[in-house]
Amino acid sequence: MLTLRLRRDAVSELTKAWTWYESQRIGLGDEFHTCVGAAL
């Protein structure tokens, strides 16, 4: 299994995106997180 390491900038952007999605609808940030994880 390969290990994926994200740069700090990427983690920051993903966190901002999660926060935005979660502000649109509770639970949507978690759905975003799941989709990003599946894509990576």
N, C-alpha and C. Protein backbone atom coordinates (compact mmCIF):
# COMPACT_ATOMS: atom_id res chain seq x y z
N MET A 1 0.84 -1.17 0.00
CA MET A 1 0.00 0.00 0.00
C MET A 1 0.89 1.25 0.00
N LEU A 2 0.54 2.20 -0.83
CA LEU A 2 1.29 3.45 -0.91
C LEU A 2 0.79 4.43 0.14
N THR A 3 1.71 5.28 0.60
CA THR A 3 1.34 6.33 1.54
C THR A 3 1.24 7.64 0.77
N LEU A 4 0.16 8.33 0.97
CA LEU A 4 -0.05 9.62 0.31
C LEU A 4 0.17 10.72 1.33
N ARG A 5 1.01 11.67 0.96
CA ARG A 5 1.27 12.81 1.84
C ARG A 5 0.84 14.08 1.12
N LEU A 6 0.02 14.85 1.81
CA LEU A 6 -0.46 16.10 1.25
C LEU A 6 0.36 17.26 1.81
N ARG A 7 0.62 18.24 0.97
CA ARG A 7 1.31 19.44 1.44
C ARG A 7 0.39 20.22 2.37
N ARG A 8 1.00 21.00 3.24
CA ARG A 8 0.23 21.81 4.19
C ARG A 8 -0.78 22.69 3.48
N ASP A 9 -0.40 23.27 2.35
CA ASP A 9 -1.31 24.11 1.57
C ASP A 9 -2.54 23.32 1.12
N ALA A 10 -2.32 22.10 0.69
CA ALA A 10 -3.43 21.27 0.22
C ALA A 10 -4.36 20.93 1.38
N VAL A 11 -3.80 20.60 2.53
CA VAL A 11 -4.61 20.29 3.70
C VAL A 11 -5.42 21.52 4.10
N SER A 12 -4.80 22.68 4.05
CA SER A 12 -5.50 23.92 4.39
C SER A 12 -6.67 24.17 3.44
N GLU A 13 -6.45 23.98 2.16
CA GLU A 13 -7.52 24.18 1.17
C GLU A 13 -8.65 23.17 1.37
N LEU A 14 -8.30 21.93 1.65
CA LEU A 14 -9.33 20.92 1.89
C LEU A 14 -10.14 21.23 3.15
N THR A 15 -9.47 21.75 4.16
CA THR A 15 -10.17 22.13 5.40
C THR A 15 -11.12 23.28 5.14
N LYS A 16 -10.67 24.27 4.37
CA LYS A 16 -11.54 25.40 4.01
C LYS A 16 -12.74 24.91 3.20
N ALA A 17 -12.50 24.00 2.29
CA ALA A 17 -13.60 23.47 1.46
C ALA A 17 -14.57 22.69 2.34
N TRP A 18 -14.06 21.87 3.27
CA TRP A 18 -14.93 21.12 4.17
C TRP A 18 -15.80 22.08 4.98
N THR A 19 -15.19 23.15 5.49
CA THR A 19 -15.93 24.13 6.28
C THR A 19 -17.03 24.78 5.46
N TRP A 20 -16.72 25.13 4.22
CA TRP A 20 -17.72 25.76 3.35
C TRP A 20 -18.88 24.79 3.08
N TYR A 21 -18.55 23.56 2.70
CA TYR A 21 -19.61 22.57 2.43
C TYR A 21 -20.47 22.34 3.67
N GLU A 22 -19.82 22.25 4.83
CA GLU A 22 -20.56 22.01 6.06
C GLU A 22 -21.47 23.20 6.39
N SER A 23 -21.06 24.41 6.01
CA SER A 23 -21.90 25.59 6.26
C SER A 23 -23.12 25.61 5.33
N GLN A 24 -23.04 24.91 4.23
CA GLN A 24 -24.17 24.84 3.31
C GLN A 24 -25.25 23.89 3.81
N ARG A 25 -24.77 22.77 4.39
CA ARG A 25 -25.69 21.78 4.95
C ARG A 25 -24.91 20.88 5.89
N ILE A 26 -25.41 20.70 7.09
CA ILE A 26 -24.75 19.83 8.06
C ILE A 26 -24.62 18.43 7.46
N GLY A 27 -23.40 17.91 7.51
CA GLY A 27 -23.12 16.58 6.97
C GLY A 27 -22.53 16.61 5.56
N LEU A 28 -22.72 17.73 4.85
CA LEU A 28 -22.19 17.81 3.48
C LEU A 28 -20.66 17.85 3.48
N GLY A 29 -20.08 18.46 4.50
CA GLY A 29 -18.62 18.45 4.62
C GLY A 29 -18.08 17.04 4.74
N ASP A 30 -18.78 16.21 5.49
CA ASP A 30 -18.36 14.82 5.64
C ASP A 30 -18.50 14.05 4.33
N GLU A 31 -19.55 14.34 3.58
CA GLU A 31 -19.71 13.72 2.25
C GLU A 31 -18.56 14.14 1.34
N PHE A 32 -18.19 15.41 1.40
CA PHE A 32 -17.04 15.93 0.62
C PHE A 32 -15.79 15.17 1.02
N HIS A 33 -15.56 15.03 2.31
CA HIS A 33 -14.37 14.33 2.82
C HIS A 33 -14.32 12.90 2.30
N THR A 34 -15.44 12.22 2.32
CA THR A 34 -15.53 10.85 1.83
C THR A 34 -15.18 10.77 0.34
N CYS A 35 -15.72 11.71 -0.44
CA CYS A 35 -15.45 11.72 -1.88
C CYS A 35 -13.99 12.02 -2.19
N VAL A 36 -13.40 12.95 -1.45
CA VAL A 36 -11.98 13.26 -1.66
C VAL A 36 -11.13 12.04 -1.32
N GLY A 37 -11.46 11.40 -0.21
CA GLY A 37 -10.72 10.20 0.17
C GLY A 37 -10.81 9.11 -0.88
N ALA A 38 -11.99 8.93 -1.44
CA ALA A 38 -12.16 7.91 -2.48
C ALA A 38 -11.38 8.26 -3.75
N ALA A 39 -11.35 9.54 -4.07
CA ALA A 39 -10.64 9.98 -5.28
C ALA A 39 -9.13 9.85 -5.12
N LEU A 40 -8.65 10.08 -3.91
CA LEU A 40 -7.21 10.00 -3.69
C LEU A 40 -6.77 8.56 -3.54
